[in-house]
């Protein structure tokens, strides 16, 4: 039985996006202490999460 290969073009590459975001965050928090890192993520969370 022959197998047919189907090629799909991606509009969005989730792996590339995740790697880019991880690298950006790593660069941003590289020289921060624990308290600064907590504040960094708290601020990011407030930007993304809708207010209730």
PDB file of N, CA and C in Angstrom:
ATOM      1  N   UNK A   1       0.839  -1.175   0.000  1.00  0.00           N
ATOM      2  CA  UNK A   1       0.000   0.000   0.000  1.00  0.00           C
ATOM      3  C   UNK A   1       0.889   1.245   0.000  1.00  0.00           C
ATOM      4  N   UNK A   2       0.656   2.146  -0.909  1.00  0.00           N
ATOM      5  CA  UNK A   2       1.427   3.373  -1.026  1.00  0.00           C
ATOM      6  C   UNK A   2       0.856   4.442  -0.095  1.00  0.00           C
ATOM      7  N   UNK A   3       1.754   5.218   0.497  1.00  0.00           N
ATOM      8  CA  UNK A   3       1.339   6.297   1.392  1.00  0.00           C
ATOM      9  C   UNK A   3       1.452   7.620   0.652  1.00  0.00           C
ATOM     10  N   UNK A   4       0.434   8.423   0.760  1.00  0.00           N
ATOM     11  CA  UNK A   4       0.408   9.719   0.097  1.00  0.00           C
ATOM     12  C   UNK A   4       0.827  10.788   1.110  1.00  0.00           C
ATOM     13  N   UNK A   5       1.782  11.634   0.728  1.00  0.00           N
ATOM     14  CA  UNK A   5       2.258  12.709   1.597  1.00  0.00           C
ATOM     15  C   UNK A   5       1.529  13.996   1.256  1.00  0.00           C
ATOM     16  N   UNK A   6       0.983  14.630   2.270  1.00  0.00           N
ATOM     17  CA  UNK A   6       0.282  15.891   2.088  1.00  0.00           C
ATOM     18  C   UNK A   6       1.095  16.997   2.748  1.00  0.00           C
ATOM     19  N   UNK A   7       1.348  18.060   2.014  1.00  0.00           N
ATOM     20  CA  UNK A   7       2.097  19.196   2.537  1.00  0.00           C
ATOM     21  C   UNK A   7       1.131  20.327   2.843  1.00  0.00           C
ATOM     22  N   UNK A   8       1.241  20.872   4.057  1.00  0.00           N
ATOM     23  CA  UNK A   8       0.364  21.958   4.480  1.00  0.00           C
ATOM     24  C   UNK A   8       1.210  23.181   4.787  1.00  0.00           C
ATOM     25  N   UNK A   9       0.821  24.321   4.230  1.00  0.00           N
ATOM     26  CA  UNK A   9       1.526  25.563   4.527  1.00  0.00           C
ATOM     27  C   UNK A   9       0.964  26.149   5.808  1.00  0.00           C
ATOM     28  N   UNK A  10       1.865  26.574   6.700  1.00  0.00           N
ATOM     29  CA  UNK A  10       1.446  27.129   7.978  1.00  0.00           C
ATOM     30  C   UNK A  10       1.363  28.655   7.883  1.00  0.00           C
ATOM     31  N   UNK A  11       0.302  29.199   8.456  1.00  0.00           N
ATOM     32  CA  UNK A  11       0.195  30.651   8.576  1.00  0.00           C
ATOM     33  C   UNK A  11       0.872  31.104   9.856  1.00  0.00           C
ATOM     34  N   UNK A  12       0.917  30.217  10.845  1.00  0.00           N
ATOM     35  CA  UNK A  12       1.461  30.551  12.157  1.00  0.00           C
ATOM     36  C   UNK A  12       2.297  29.377  12.647  1.00  0.00           C
ATOM     37  N   UNK A  13       3.550  29.645  12.991  1.00  0.00           N
ATOM     38  CA  UNK A  13       4.441  28.607  13.502  1.00  0.00           C
ATOM     39  C   UNK A  13       4.532  28.756  15.019  1.00  0.00           C
ATOM     40  N   UNK A  14       3.792  27.919  15.729  1.00  0.00           N
ATOM     41  CA  UNK A  14       3.704  28.013  17.187  1.00  0.00           C
ATOM     42  C   UNK A  14       5.053  27.767  17.858  1.00  0.00           C
ATOM     43  N   UNK A  15       5.832  26.836  17.353  1.00  0.00           N
ATOM     44  CA  UNK A  15       7.129  26.526  17.959  1.00  0.00           C
ATOM     45  C   UNK A  15       8.075  27.714  17.833  1.00  0.00           C
ATOM     46  N   UNK A  16       8.148  28.303  16.664  1.00  0.00           N
ATOM     47  CA  UNK A  16       9.020  29.470  16.456  1.00  0.00           C
ATOM     48  C   UNK A  16       8.568  30.637  17.335  1.00  0.00           C
ATOM     49  N   UNK A  17       7.251  30.836  17.439  1.00  0.00           N
ATOM     50  CA  UNK A  17       6.719  31.905  18.276  1.00  0.00           C
ATOM     51  C   UNK A  17       7.102  31.687  19.737  1.00  0.00           C
ATOM     52  N   UNK A  18       6.930  30.461  20.232  1.00  0.00           N
ATOM     53  CA  UNK A  18       7.238  30.163  21.630  1.00  0.00           C
ATOM     54  C   UNK A  18       8.722  30.345  21.930  1.00  0.00           C
ATOM     55  N   UNK A  19       9.569  29.905  21.028  1.00  0.00           N
ATOM     56  CA  UNK A  19      11.013  30.068  21.220  1.00  0.00           C
ATOM     57  C   UNK A  19      11.407  31.542  21.257  1.00  0.00           C
ATOM     58  N   UNK A  20      10.810  32.334  20.385  1.00  0.00           N
ATOM     59  CA  UNK A  20      11.104  33.765  20.348  1.00  0.00           C
ATOM     60  C   UNK A  20      10.688  34.435  21.655  1.00  0.00           C
ATOM     61  N   UNK A  21       9.506  34.098  22.150  1.00  0.00           N
ATOM     62  CA  UNK A  21       9.018  34.674  23.403  1.00  0.00           C
ATOM     63  C   UNK A  21       9.881  34.236  24.585  1.00  0.00           C
ATOM     64  N   UNK A  22      10.252  32.956  24.615  1.00  0.00           N
ATOM     65  CA  UNK A  22      11.102  32.446  25.700  1.00  0.00           C
ATOM     66  C   UNK A  22      12.451  33.148  25.713  1.00  0.00           C
ATOM     67  N   UNK A  23      13.035  33.359  24.532  1.00  0.00           N
ATOM     68  CA  UNK A  23      14.326  34.038  24.444  1.00  0.00           C
ATOM     69  C   UNK A  23      14.227  35.491  24.897  1.00  0.00           C
ATOM     70  N   UNK A  24      13.121  36.166  24.540  1.00  0.00           N
ATOM     71  CA  UNK A  24      12.922  37.556  24.953  1.00  0.00           C
ATOM     72  C   UNK A  24      12.795  37.647  26.470  1.00  0.00           C
ATOM     73  N   UNK A  25      11.993  36.780  27.072  1.00  0.00           N
ATOM     74  CA  UNK A  25      11.812  36.792  28.525  1.00  0.00           C
ATOM     75  C   UNK A  25      13.130  36.479  29.222  1.00  0.00           C
ATOM     76  N   UNK A  26      13.856  35.489  28.723  1.00  0.00           N
ATOM     77  CA  UNK A  26      15.139  35.131  29.329  1.00  0.00           C
ATOM     78  C   UNK A  26      16.101  36.310  29.316  1.00  0.00           C
ATOM     79  N   UNK A  27      16.115  37.045  28.212  1.00  0.00           N
ATOM     80  CA  UNK A  27      16.986  38.217  28.103  1.00  0.00           C
ATOM     81  C   UNK A  27      16.536  39.315  29.071  1.00  0.00           C
ATOM     82  N   UNK A  28      15.223  39.520  29.177  1.00  0.00           N
ATOM     83  CA  UNK A  28      14.683  40.563  30.050  1.00  0.00           C
ATOM     84  C   UNK A  28      14.986  40.308  31.523  1.00  0.00           C
ATOM     85  N   UNK A  29      14.919  39.053  31.962  1.00  0.00           N
ATOM     86  CA  UNK A  29      15.056  38.754  33.393  1.00  0.00           C
ATOM     87  C   UNK A  29      16.438  38.236  33.783  1.00  0.00           C
ATOM     88  N   UNK A  30      17.377  38.241  32.860  1.00  0.00           N
ATOM     89  CA  UNK A  30      18.694  37.642  33.085  1.00  0.00           C
ATOM     90  C   UNK A  30      19.408  38.182  34.322  1.00  0.00           C
ATOM     91  N   UNK A  31      19.336  39.455  34.578  1.00  0.00           N
ATOM     92  CA  UNK A  31      20.077  40.053  35.689  1.00  0.00           C
ATOM     93  C   UNK A  31      19.185  40.506  36.843  1.00  0.00           C
ATOM     94  N   UNK A  32      17.989  39.923  36.929  1.00  0.00           N
ATOM     95  CA  UNK A  32      17.057  40.299  37.984  1.00  0.00           C
ATOM     96  C   UNK A  32      17.143  39.328  39.154  1.00  0.00           C
ATOM     97  N   UNK A  33      16.839  39.852  40.346  1.00  0.00           N
ATOM     98  CA  UNK A  33      16.726  38.953  41.498  1.00  0.00           C
ATOM     99  C   UNK A  33      15.287  38.429  41.558  1.00  0.00           C
ATOM    100  N   UNK A  34      15.001  37.570  42.540  1.00  0.00           N
ATOM    101  CA  UNK A  34      13.700  36.923  42.621  1.00  0.00           C
ATOM    102  C   UNK A  34      12.553  37.929  42.732  1.00  0.00           C
ATOM    103  N   UNK A  35      12.709  38.932  43.563  1.00  0.00           N
ATOM    104  CA  UNK A  35      11.648  39.926  43.746  1.00  0.00           C
ATOM    105  C   UNK A  35      11.380  40.696  42.453  1.00  0.00           C
ATOM    106  N   UNK A  36      12.426  41.044  41.727  1.00  0.00           N
ATOM    107  CA  UNK A  36      12.263  41.753  40.456  1.00  0.00           C
ATOM    108  C   UNK A  36      11.578  40.871  39.417  1.00  0.00           C
ATOM    109  N   UNK A  37      11.892  39.591  39.418  1.00  0.00           N
ATOM    110  CA  UNK A  37      11.258  38.656  38.478  1.00  0.00           C
ATOM    111  C   UNK A  37       9.770  38.529  38.794  1.00  0.00           C
ATOM    112  N   UNK A  38       9.423  38.436  40.076  1.00  0.00           N
ATOM    113  CA  UNK A  38       8.008  38.369  40.463  1.00  0.00           C
ATOM    114  C   UNK A  38       7.262  39.611  39.993  1.00  0.00           C
ATOM    115  N   UNK A  39       7.881  40.776  40.162  1.00  0.00           N
ATOM    116  CA  UNK A  39       7.261  42.030  39.724  1.00  0.00           C
ATOM    117  C   UNK A  39       7.117  42.072  38.199  1.00  0.00           C
ATOM    118  N   UNK A  40       8.126  41.616  37.488  1.00  0.00           N
ATOM    119  CA  UNK A  40       8.105  41.567  36.021  1.00  0.00           C
ATOM    120  C   UNK A  40       6.896  40.766  35.531  1.00  0.00           C
ATOM    121  N   UNK A  41       6.714  39.557  36.085  1.00  0.00           N
ATOM    122  CA  UNK A  41       5.608  38.707  35.643  1.00  0.00           C
ATOM    123  C   UNK A  41       4.259  39.241  36.120  1.00  0.00           C
ATOM    124  N   UNK A  42       4.239  39.890  37.265  1.00  0.00           N
ATOM    125  CA  UNK A  42       2.998  40.496  37.752  1.00  0.00           C
ATOM    126  C   UNK A  42       2.539  41.600  36.795  1.00  0.00           C
ATOM    127  N   UNK A  43       3.474  42.429  36.352  1.00  0.00           N
ATOM    128  CA  UNK A  43       3.140  43.501  35.407  1.00  0.00           C
ATOM    129  C   UNK A  43       2.682  42.928  34.060  1.00  0.00           C
ATOM    130  N   UNK A  44       3.370  41.886  33.605  1.00  0.00           N
ATOM    131  CA  UNK A  44       2.990  41.263  32.324  1.00  0.00           C
ATOM    132  C   UNK A  44       1.605  40.646  32.418  1.00  0.00           C
ATOM    133  N   UNK A  45       1.309  40.042  33.558  1.00  0.00           N
ATOM    134  CA  UNK A  45       0.008  39.411  33.759  1.00  0.00           C
ATOM    135  C   UNK A  45      -1.105  40.459  33.707  1.00  0.00           C
ATOM    136  N   UNK A  46      -0.880  41.620  34.309  1.00  0.00           N
ATOM    137  CA  UNK A  46      -1.876  42.678  34.322  1.00  0.00           C
ATOM    138  C   UNK A  46      -2.133  43.213  32.917  1.00  0.00           C
ATOM    139  N   UNK A  47      -1.109  43.230  32.071  1.00  0.00           N
ATOM    140  CA  UNK A  47      -1.275  43.698  30.686  1.00  0.00           C
ATOM    141  C   UNK A  47      -2.118  42.735  29.868  1.00  0.00           C
ATOM    142  N   UNK A  48      -1.945  41.436  30.109  1.00  0.00           N
ATOM    143  CA  UNK A  48      -2.596  40.420  29.292  1.00  0.00           C
ATOM    144  C   UNK A  48      -3.988  40.072  29.804  1.00  0.00           C
ATOM    145  N   UNK A  49      -4.127  39.916  31.100  1.00  0.00           N
ATOM    146  CA  UNK A  49      -5.403  39.490  31.685  1.00  0.00           C
ATOM    147  C   UNK A  49      -6.419  40.626  31.672  1.00  0.00           C
ATOM    148  N   UNK A  50      -7.647  40.318  31.277  1.00  0.00           N
ATOM    149  CA  UNK A  50      -8.685  41.347  31.309  1.00  0.00           C
ATOM    150  C   UNK A  50      -9.071  41.679  32.746  1.00  0.00           C
ATOM    151  N   UNK A  51      -9.439  42.914  32.975  1.00  0.00           N
ATOM    152  CA  UNK A  51      -9.869  43.344  34.299  1.00  0.00           C
ATOM    153  C   UNK A  51     -11.262  42.813  34.583  1.00  0.00           C
ATOM    154  N   UNK A  52     -11.482  42.420  35.827  1.00  0.00           N
ATOM    155  CA  UNK A  52     -12.817  41.914  36.186  1.00  0.00           C
ATOM    156  C   UNK A  52     -13.477  42.820  37.161  1.00  0.00           C
TER     157      UNK A  52
END
